[in-house]
Amino acid sequence: MGFENTNFNNPIYTEEEIEPQKILIISCEGSNTEPEYFPSIKNKLSDYIDILLEIEIIPKEPGASEPQDVVSNLDEYIKDKYDYKPENDEKWVVWDREKVPERKKDIEKMIPVCLEKNYNIAMTNPLFEFWLLLHVDDISTYDNDELFKNEKISNNKKFIDKKLFDILGSYNKKKNKFNTDIVSMDNIKKAILQEKLFENQLENIIDHLGSNIGTLVSRILKI
């Protein structure tokens, strides 16, 4: 910020643009939950962020939910819309493992592509909502096989979605009903601690219940 003087008596106050110290560029396969979750961390927990940080969520193309689509969206963003500073900034793809057999092949194919491009990978098995559940409940009370299978149980809801709905009072990942009340420092610390009870290495998450979303969240917050 500074003053621009047109004459001695009438200075004009001008605002200088402040460059962020780091930018996290995140390409998600989800259209609602993930794009709301990550910015809400910055918006609600700014006191725990010790640098001038910007989070860029890449808009998802309709129907583009495969691992290769998430990577392609990030490629296009970097190429067309962003002046990337590799010494400071980070590029992330966020995937769900899910249970579709073909998806495992796609993920295994894209992991070396991401590593070559210096793209970080955050993945949850079976899906991102498992990471959210770690925020709000004692995960030791659950049956791991039931969490891992995540089968449909009622009202077109799968097991984990139904648990989030019951705990939060409302949750629908397809109708922009993500409850940002889930985002608090206590809840995030709880999620990171509970995440360690499951698989955290990418090569193991592919076949087992687990998550490494906490790594990405820890890049945002001072934890």
C-alpha atoms as a PDB file:
ATOM      1  CA  MET A   1       0.000   0.000   0.000  1.00  0.00           C
ATOM      2  CA  GLY A   2       1.169   3.574  -0.612  1.00  0.00           C
ATOM      3  CA  PHE A   3       0.392   7.134  -1.653  1.00  0.00           C
ATOM      4  CA  GLU A   4       0.504   8.538  -5.156  1.00  0.00           C
ATOM      5  CA  ASN A   5       0.867  12.323  -5.118  1.00  0.00           C
ATOM      6  CA  THR A   6      -0.799  14.396  -7.825  1.00  0.00           C
ATOM      7  CA  ASN A   7      -0.011  17.511  -5.797  1.00  0.00           C
ATOM      8  CA  PHE A   8       1.045  18.308  -2.245  1.00  0.00           C
ATOM      9  CA  ASN A   9      -2.462  18.981  -0.944  1.00  0.00           C
ATOM     10  CA  ASN A  10      -4.368  16.100  -2.535  1.00  0.00           C
ATOM     11  CA  PRO A  11      -2.530  12.777  -2.243  1.00  0.00           C
ATOM     12  CA  ILE A  12      -4.322   9.773  -3.715  1.00  0.00           C
ATOM     13  CA  TYR A  13      -4.196   6.627  -1.591  1.00  0.00           C
ATOM     14  CA  THR A  14      -3.481   3.564  -3.708  1.00  0.00           C
ATOM     15  CA  GLU A  15      -3.494  -0.122  -2.819  1.00  0.00           C
ATOM     16  CA  GLU A  16      -0.574  -2.212  -3.975  1.00  0.00           C
ATOM     17  CA  GLU A  17      -1.165  -5.801  -4.980  1.00  0.00           C
ATOM     18  CA  ILE A  18       0.375  -8.227  -2.485  1.00  0.00           C
ATOM     19  CA  GLU A  19       1.715 -11.450  -3.959  1.00  0.00           C
ATOM     20  CA  PRO A  20       1.006 -14.649  -1.997  1.00  0.00           C
ATOM     21  CA  GLN A  21       4.027 -16.430  -0.571  1.00  0.00           C
ATOM     22  CA  LYS A  22       2.670 -19.808  -1.642  1.00  0.00           C
ATOM     23  CA  ILE A  23      -0.101 -21.060  -3.880  1.00  0.00           C
ATOM     24  CA  LEU A  24      -1.622 -24.515  -3.605  1.00  0.00           C
ATOM     25  CA  ILE A  25      -3.252 -25.549  -6.867  1.00  0.00           C
ATOM     26  CA  ILE A  26      -5.723 -28.381  -6.269  1.00  0.00           C
ATOM     27  CA  SER A  27      -7.463 -30.417  -8.956  1.00  0.00           C
ATOM     28  CA  CYS A  28     -10.330 -32.511  -7.552  1.00  0.00           C
ATOM     29  CA  GLU A  29     -12.621 -35.085  -9.089  1.00  0.00           C
ATOM     30  CA  GLY A  30     -15.512 -33.940  -6.878  1.00  0.00           C
ATOM     31  CA  SER A  31     -17.717 -31.018  -7.887  1.00  0.00           C
ATOM     32  CA  ASN A  32     -19.016 -29.962  -4.475  1.00  0.00           C
ATOM     33  CA  THR A  33     -17.440 -31.325  -1.310  1.00  0.00           C
ATOM     34  CA  GLU A  34     -13.704 -31.038  -1.975  1.00  0.00           C
ATOM     35  CA  PRO A  35     -13.947 -27.611  -3.676  1.00  0.00           C
ATOM     36  CA  GLU A  36     -15.794 -26.326  -0.590  1.00  0.00           C
ATOM     37  CA  TYR A  37     -13.686 -28.122   2.013  1.00  0.00           C
ATOM     38  CA  PHE A  38     -10.196 -26.886   1.167  1.00  0.00           C
ATOM     39  CA  PRO A  39     -11.009 -23.151   0.803  1.00  0.00           C
ATOM     40  CA  SER A  40     -13.054 -23.310   4.017  1.00  0.00           C
ATOM     41  CA  ILE A  41      -9.871 -24.303   5.883  1.00  0.00           C
ATOM     42  CA  LYS A  42      -8.198 -21.092   4.781  1.00  0.00           C
ATOM     43  CA  ASN A  43     -11.309 -18.974   5.378  1.00  0.00           C
ATOM     44  CA  LYS A  44     -12.138 -20.313   8.837  1.00  0.00           C
ATOM     45  CA  LEU A  45      -8.676 -21.090  10.229  1.00  0.00           C
ATOM     46  CA  SER A  46      -6.566 -18.208   8.973  1.00  0.00           C
ATOM     47  CA  ASP A  47      -5.044 -17.757  12.452  1.00  0.00           C
ATOM     48  CA  TYR A  48      -3.292 -21.103  11.986  1.00  0.00           C
ATOM     49  CA  ILE A  49      -1.749 -20.211   8.618  1.00  0.00           C
ATOM     50  CA  ASP A  50       1.625 -18.564   9.065  1.00  0.00           C
ATOM     51  CA  ILE A  51       2.214 -17.389   5.480  1.00  0.00           C
ATOM     52  CA  LEU A  52       0.264 -15.446   2.876  1.00  0.00           C
ATOM     53  CA  LEU A  53      -1.354 -18.443   1.191  1.00  0.00           C
ATOM     54  CA  GLU A  54      -3.646 -18.756  -1.790  1.00  0.00           C
ATOM     55  CA  ILE A  55      -5.635 -21.877  -2.652  1.00  0.00           C
ATOM     56  CA  GLU A  56      -6.647 -22.341  -6.273  1.00  0.00           C
ATOM     57  CA  ILE A  57      -9.349 -24.971  -6.868  1.00  0.00           C
ATOM     58  CA  ILE A  58      -9.466 -25.942 -10.534  1.00  0.00           C
ATOM     59  CA  PRO A  59     -13.057 -26.087 -11.825  1.00  0.00           C
ATOM     60  CA  LYS A  60     -14.040 -29.589 -12.786  1.00  0.00           C
ATOM     61  CA  GLU A  61     -15.305 -30.194 -16.309  1.00  0.00           C
ATOM     62  CA  PRO A  62     -18.756 -31.883 -16.431  1.00  0.00           C
ATOM     63  CA  GLY A  63     -18.376 -35.652 -16.405  1.00  0.00           C
ATOM     64  CA  ALA A  64     -14.600 -35.466 -15.994  1.00  0.00           C
ATOM     65  CA  SER A  65     -14.145 -37.636 -12.889  1.00  0.00           C
ATOM     66  CA  GLU A  66     -11.558 -40.194 -13.927  1.00  0.00           C
ATOM     67  CA  PRO A  67      -8.000 -39.944 -12.561  1.00  0.00           C
ATOM     68  CA  GLN A  68      -6.664 -38.955 -15.963  1.00  0.00           C
ATOM     69  CA  ASP A  69      -9.300 -36.198 -16.203  1.00  0.00           C
ATOM     70  CA  VAL A  70      -8.175 -34.736 -12.872  1.00  0.00           C
ATOM     71  CA  VAL A  71      -4.575 -34.682 -14.114  1.00  0.00           C
ATOM     72  CA  SER A  72      -5.566 -33.210 -17.495  1.00  0.00           C
ATOM     73  CA  ASN A  73      -7.490 -30.408 -15.791  1.00  0.00           C
ATOM     74  CA  LEU A  74      -4.378 -29.552 -13.803  1.00  0.00           C
ATOM     75  CA  ASP A  75      -2.230 -29.698 -16.961  1.00  0.00           C
ATOM     76  CA  GLU A  76      -4.517 -27.255 -18.757  1.00  0.00           C
ATOM     77  CA  TYR A  77      -4.645 -24.877 -15.823  1.00  0.00           C
ATOM     78  CA  ILE A  78      -0.875 -24.776 -15.469  1.00  0.00           C
ATOM     79  CA  LYS A  79      -0.445 -24.284 -19.203  1.00  0.00           C
ATOM     80  CA  ASP A  80      -3.081 -21.620 -19.834  1.00  0.00           C
ATOM     81  CA  LYS A  81      -3.865 -19.738 -16.645  1.00  0.00           C
ATOM     82  CA  TYR A  82      -1.028 -19.826 -14.220  1.00  0.00           C
ATOM     83  CA  ASP A  83       2.490 -18.497 -13.868  1.00  0.00           C
ATOM     84  CA  TYR A  84       3.881 -21.333 -11.780  1.00  0.00           C
ATOM     85  CA  LYS A  85       6.697 -20.717  -9.284  1.00  0.00           C
ATOM     86  CA  PRO A  86       8.083 -24.188  -8.473  1.00  0.00           C
ATOM     87  CA  GLU A  87      10.276 -23.021  -5.607  1.00  0.00           C
ATOM     88  CA  ASN A  88       7.228 -21.993  -3.552  1.00  0.00           C
ATOM     89  CA  ASP A  89       4.016 -23.390  -4.957  1.00  0.00           C
ATOM     90  CA  GLU A  90       2.541 -26.883  -4.971  1.00  0.00           C
ATOM     91  CA  LYS A  91       0.308 -28.750  -7.400  1.00  0.00           C
ATOM     92  CA  TRP A  92      -2.071 -31.425  -6.093  1.00  0.00           C
ATOM     93  CA  VAL A  93      -4.508 -33.949  -7.510  1.00  0.00           C
ATOM     94  CA  VAL A  94      -7.189 -35.330  -5.186  1.00  0.00           C
ATOM     95  CA  TRP A  95      -8.643 -38.757  -6.036  1.00  0.00           C
ATOM     96  CA  ASP A  96     -11.100 -41.251  -4.580  1.00  0.00           C
ATOM     97  CA  ARG A  97     -10.013 -44.874  -4.938  1.00  0.00           C
ATOM     98  CA  GLU A  98     -13.578 -46.251  -5.008  1.00  0.00           C
ATOM     99  CA  LYS A  99     -14.218 -49.912  -5.827  1.00  0.00           C
ATOM    100  CA  VAL A 100     -14.393 -49.927  -9.627  1.00  0.00           C
ATOM    101  CA  PRO A 101     -11.720 -52.442 -10.771  1.00  0.00           C
ATOM    102  CA  GLU A 102     -10.789 -50.387 -13.808  1.00  0.00           C
ATOM    103  CA  ARG A 103     -10.144 -47.387 -11.581  1.00  0.00           C
ATOM    104  CA  LYS A 104      -7.237 -49.153  -9.881  1.00  0.00           C
ATOM    105  CA  LYS A 105      -5.563 -49.604 -13.265  1.00  0.00           C
ATOM    106  CA  ASP A 106      -6.166 -45.944 -14.115  1.00  0.00           C
ATOM    107  CA  ILE A 107      -4.679 -44.752 -10.816  1.00  0.00           C
ATOM    108  CA  GLU A 108      -1.642 -47.001 -11.131  1.00  0.00           C
ATOM    109  CA  LYS A 109      -1.135 -45.670 -14.642  1.00  0.00           C
ATOM    110  CA  MET A 110      -1.387 -42.020 -13.572  1.00  0.00           C
ATOM    111  CA  ILE A 111       0.802 -42.142 -10.443  1.00  0.00           C
ATOM    112  CA  PRO A 112       4.120 -42.162 -12.381  1.00  0.00           C
ATOM    113  CA  VAL A 113       2.733 -39.455 -14.673  1.00  0.00           C
ATOM    114  CA  CYS A 114       2.055 -37.261 -11.654  1.00  0.00           C
ATOM    115  CA  LEU A 115       5.466 -37.940 -10.157  1.00  0.00           C
ATOM    116  CA  GLU A 116       7.143 -36.974 -13.417  1.00  0.00           C
ATOM    117  CA  LYS A 117       5.163 -33.713 -13.516  1.00  0.00           C
ATOM    118  CA  ASN A 118       5.876 -32.998  -9.834  1.00  0.00           C
ATOM    119  CA  TYR A 119       2.174 -33.276  -8.990  1.00  0.00           C
ATOM    120  CA  ASN A 120       1.443 -34.293  -5.394  1.00  0.00           C
ATOM    121  CA  ILE A 121      -1.275 -36.903  -4.902  1.00  0.00           C
ATOM    122  CA  ALA A 122      -3.863 -37.014  -2.118  1.00  0.00           C
ATOM    123  CA  MET A 123      -6.117 -40.065  -2.156  1.00  0.00           C
ATOM    124  CA  THR A 124      -8.709 -41.721   0.042  1.00  0.00           C
ATOM    125  CA  ASN A 125      -9.959 -45.282  -0.044  1.00  0.00           C
ATOM    126  CA  PRO A 126     -12.845 -45.690  -0.443  1.00  0.00           C
ATOM    127  CA  LEU A 127     -13.688 -41.978  -0.881  1.00  0.00           C
ATOM    128  CA  PHE A 128     -13.193 -38.445   0.445  1.00  0.00           C
ATOM    129  CA  GLU A 129     -16.108 -38.760   2.867  1.00  0.00           C
ATOM    130  CA  PHE A 130     -14.054 -41.256   4.877  1.00  0.00           C
ATOM    131  CA  TRP A 131     -11.609 -38.416   5.594  1.00  0.00           C
ATOM    132  CA  LEU A 132     -14.554 -36.224   6.683  1.00  0.00           C
ATOM    133  CA  LEU A 133     -15.878 -38.921   9.004  1.00  0.00           C
ATOM    134  CA  LEU A 134     -12.512 -38.918  10.777  1.00  0.00           C
ATOM    135  CA  HIS A 135     -13.273 -35.316  11.824  1.00  0.00           C
ATOM    136  CA  VAL A 136     -16.483 -36.002  13.682  1.00  0.00           C
ATOM    137  CA  ASP A 137     -16.604 -39.480  15.190  1.00  0.00           C
ATOM    138  CA  ASP A 138     -14.518 -42.018  17.080  1.00  0.00           C
ATOM    139  CA  ILE A 139     -13.436 -44.210  14.188  1.00  0.00           C
ATOM    140  CA  SER A 140     -12.416 -47.038  16.534  1.00  0.00           C
ATOM    141  CA  THR A 141     -16.114 -47.782  17.105  1.00  0.00           C
ATOM    142  CA  TYR A 142     -16.583 -48.748  13.436  1.00  0.00           C
ATOM    143  CA  ASP A 143     -16.037 -52.030  11.674  1.00  0.00           C
ATOM    144  CA  ASN A 144     -13.195 -51.537   9.196  1.00  0.00           C
ATOM    145  CA  ASP A 145     -14.678 -53.930   6.649  1.00  0.00           C
ATOM    146  CA  GLU A 146     -17.949 -52.007   6.706  1.00  0.00           C
ATOM    147  CA  LEU A 147     -16.098 -48.735   6.143  1.00  0.00           C
ATOM    148  CA  PHE A 148     -14.000 -50.236   3.365  1.00  0.00           C
ATOM    149  CA  LYS A 149     -16.938 -51.796   1.513  1.00  0.00           C
ATOM    150  CA  ASN A 150     -19.074 -48.647   1.972  1.00  0.00           C
ATOM    151  CA  GLU A 151     -22.164 -50.331   0.633  1.00  0.00           C
ATOM    152  CA  LYS A 152     -25.493 -48.647  -0.083  1.00  0.00           C
ATOM    153  CA  ILE A 153     -27.745 -49.011   2.952  1.00  0.00           C
ATOM    154  CA  SER A 154     -30.728 -46.614   2.752  1.00  0.00           C
ATOM    155  CA  ASN A 155     -32.303 -43.818   0.732  1.00  0.00           C
ATOM    156  CA  ASN A 156     -29.671 -44.213  -1.960  1.00  0.00           C
ATOM    157  CA  LYS A 157     -26.987 -43.366   0.601  1.00  0.00           C
ATOM    158  CA  LYS A 158     -23.884 -45.430   1.104  1.00  0.00           C
ATOM    159  CA  PHE A 159     -22.676 -46.332   4.579  1.00  0.00           C
ATOM    160  CA  ILE A 160     -20.238 -43.438   5.126  1.00  0.00           C
ATOM    161  CA  ASP A 161     -22.548 -40.813   3.619  1.00  0.00           C
ATOM    162  CA  LYS A 162     -25.350 -42.015   5.896  1.00  0.00           C
ATOM    163  CA  LYS A 163     -23.110 -41.772   8.964  1.00  0.00           C
ATOM    164  CA  LEU A 164     -22.136 -38.198   8.049  1.00  0.00           C
ATOM    165  CA  PHE A 165     -25.799 -37.340   7.491  1.00  0.00           C
ATOM    166  CA  ASP A 166     -26.767 -38.729  10.898  1.00  0.00           C
ATOM    167  CA  ILE A 167     -23.947 -36.936  12.730  1.00  0.00           C
ATOM    168  CA  LEU A 168     -24.145 -33.570  10.957  1.00  0.00           C
ATOM    169  CA  GLY A 169     -27.914 -33.421  10.560  1.00  0.00           C
ATOM    170  CA  SER A 170     -27.559 -32.849   6.824  1.00  0.00           C
ATOM    171  CA  TYR A 171     -25.117 -34.021   4.217  1.00  0.00           C
ATOM    172  CA  ASN A 172     -25.550 -34.474   0.485  1.00  0.00           C
ATOM    173  CA  LYS A 173     -22.425 -34.307  -1.646  1.00  0.00           C
ATOM    174  CA  LYS A 174     -24.476 -34.001  -4.835  1.00  0.00           C
ATOM    175  CA  LYS A 175     -26.563 -31.003  -3.768  1.00  0.00           C
ATOM    176  CA  ASN A 176     -24.049 -28.514  -2.374  1.00  0.00           C
ATOM    177  CA  LYS A 177     -24.966 -29.336   1.223  1.00  0.00           C
ATOM    178  CA  PHE A 178     -21.478 -29.618   2.613  1.00  0.00           C
ATOM    179  CA  ASN A 179     -21.563 -28.519   6.258  1.00  0.00           C
ATOM    180  CA  THR A 180     -18.545 -26.240   6.814  1.00  0.00           C
ATOM    181  CA  ASP A 181     -19.080 -26.554  10.582  1.00  0.00           C
ATOM    182  CA  ILE A 182     -17.005 -29.704  10.239  1.00  0.00           C
ATOM    183  CA  VAL A 183     -13.960 -27.486   9.653  1.00  0.00           C
ATOM    184  CA  SER A 184     -12.413 -26.577  12.983  1.00  0.00           C
ATOM    185  CA  MET A 185      -8.876 -26.956  14.280  1.00  0.00           C
ATOM    186  CA  ASP A 186      -9.951 -29.525  16.868  1.00  0.00           C
ATOM    187  CA  ASN A 187     -11.745 -31.589  14.222  1.00  0.00           C
ATOM    188  CA  ILE A 188      -8.836 -31.446  11.790  1.00  0.00           C
ATOM    189  CA  LYS A 189      -6.340 -32.493  14.466  1.00  0.00           C
ATOM    190  CA  LYS A 190      -8.678 -35.357  15.332  1.00  0.00           C
ATOM    191  CA  ALA A 191      -8.884 -36.398  11.675  1.00  0.00           C
ATOM    192  CA  ILE A 192      -5.111 -36.331  11.214  1.00  0.00           C
ATOM    193  CA  LEU A 193      -4.588 -38.366  14.385  1.00  0.00           C
ATOM    194  CA  GLN A 194      -7.209 -40.962  13.400  1.00  0.00           C
ATOM    195  CA  GLU A 195      -5.953 -41.115   9.824  1.00  0.00           C
ATOM    196  CA  LYS A 196      -2.711 -42.607  11.165  1.00  0.00           C
ATOM    197  CA  LEU A 197      -4.658 -45.698  12.265  1.00  0.00           C
ATOM    198  CA  PHE A 198      -5.089 -46.664   8.606  1.00  0.00           C
ATOM    199  CA  GLU A 199      -2.948 -46.849   5.496  1.00  0.00           C
ATOM    200  CA  ASN A 200      -1.205 -43.550   4.695  1.00  0.00           C
ATOM    201  CA  GLN A 201       1.255 -44.551   1.965  1.00  0.00           C
ATOM    202  CA  LEU A 202      -0.079 -44.063  -1.551  1.00  0.00           C
ATOM    203  CA  GLU A 203       0.917 -47.515  -2.791  1.00  0.00           C
ATOM    204  CA  ASN A 204      -0.958 -49.109   0.143  1.00  0.00           C
ATOM    205  CA  ILE A 205      -4.053 -46.893   0.013  1.00  0.00           C
ATOM    206  CA  ILE A 206      -4.803 -48.276  -3.460  1.00  0.00           C
ATOM    207  CA  ASP A 207      -5.830 -51.633  -1.968  1.00  0.00           C
ATOM    208  CA  HIS A 208      -6.662 -50.844   1.648  1.00  0.00           C
ATOM    209  CA  LEU A 209      -8.755 -48.553   3.820  1.00  0.00           C
ATOM    210  CA  GLY A 210      -6.815 -45.339   4.282  1.00  0.00           C
ATOM    211  CA  SER A 211      -6.054 -41.751   3.399  1.00  0.00           C
ATOM    212  CA  ASN A 212      -3.217 -39.273   3.027  1.00  0.00           C
ATOM    213  CA  ILE A 213      -5.405 -36.164   2.796  1.00  0.00           C
ATOM    214  CA  GLY A 214      -3.881 -35.100   6.099  1.00  0.00           C
ATOM    215  CA  THR A 215      -0.599 -34.447   4.283  1.00  0.00           C
ATOM    216  CA  LEU A 216      -2.286 -31.888   2.033  1.00  0.00           C
ATOM    217  CA  VAL A 217      -4.164 -30.288   4.924  1.00  0.00           C
ATOM    218  CA  SER A 218      -0.908 -30.021   6.877  1.00  0.00           C
ATOM    219  CA  ARG A 219       0.578 -28.063   3.972  1.00  0.00           C
ATOM    220  CA  ILE A 220      -2.145 -25.464   4.530  1.00  0.00           C
ATOM    221  CA  LEU A 221      -2.153 -25.276   8.308  1.00  0.00           C
ATOM    222  CA  LYS A 222       0.472 -24.857  10.983  1.00  0.00           C
ATOM    223  CA  ILE A 223       0.124 -28.285  12.626  1.00  0.00           C
END
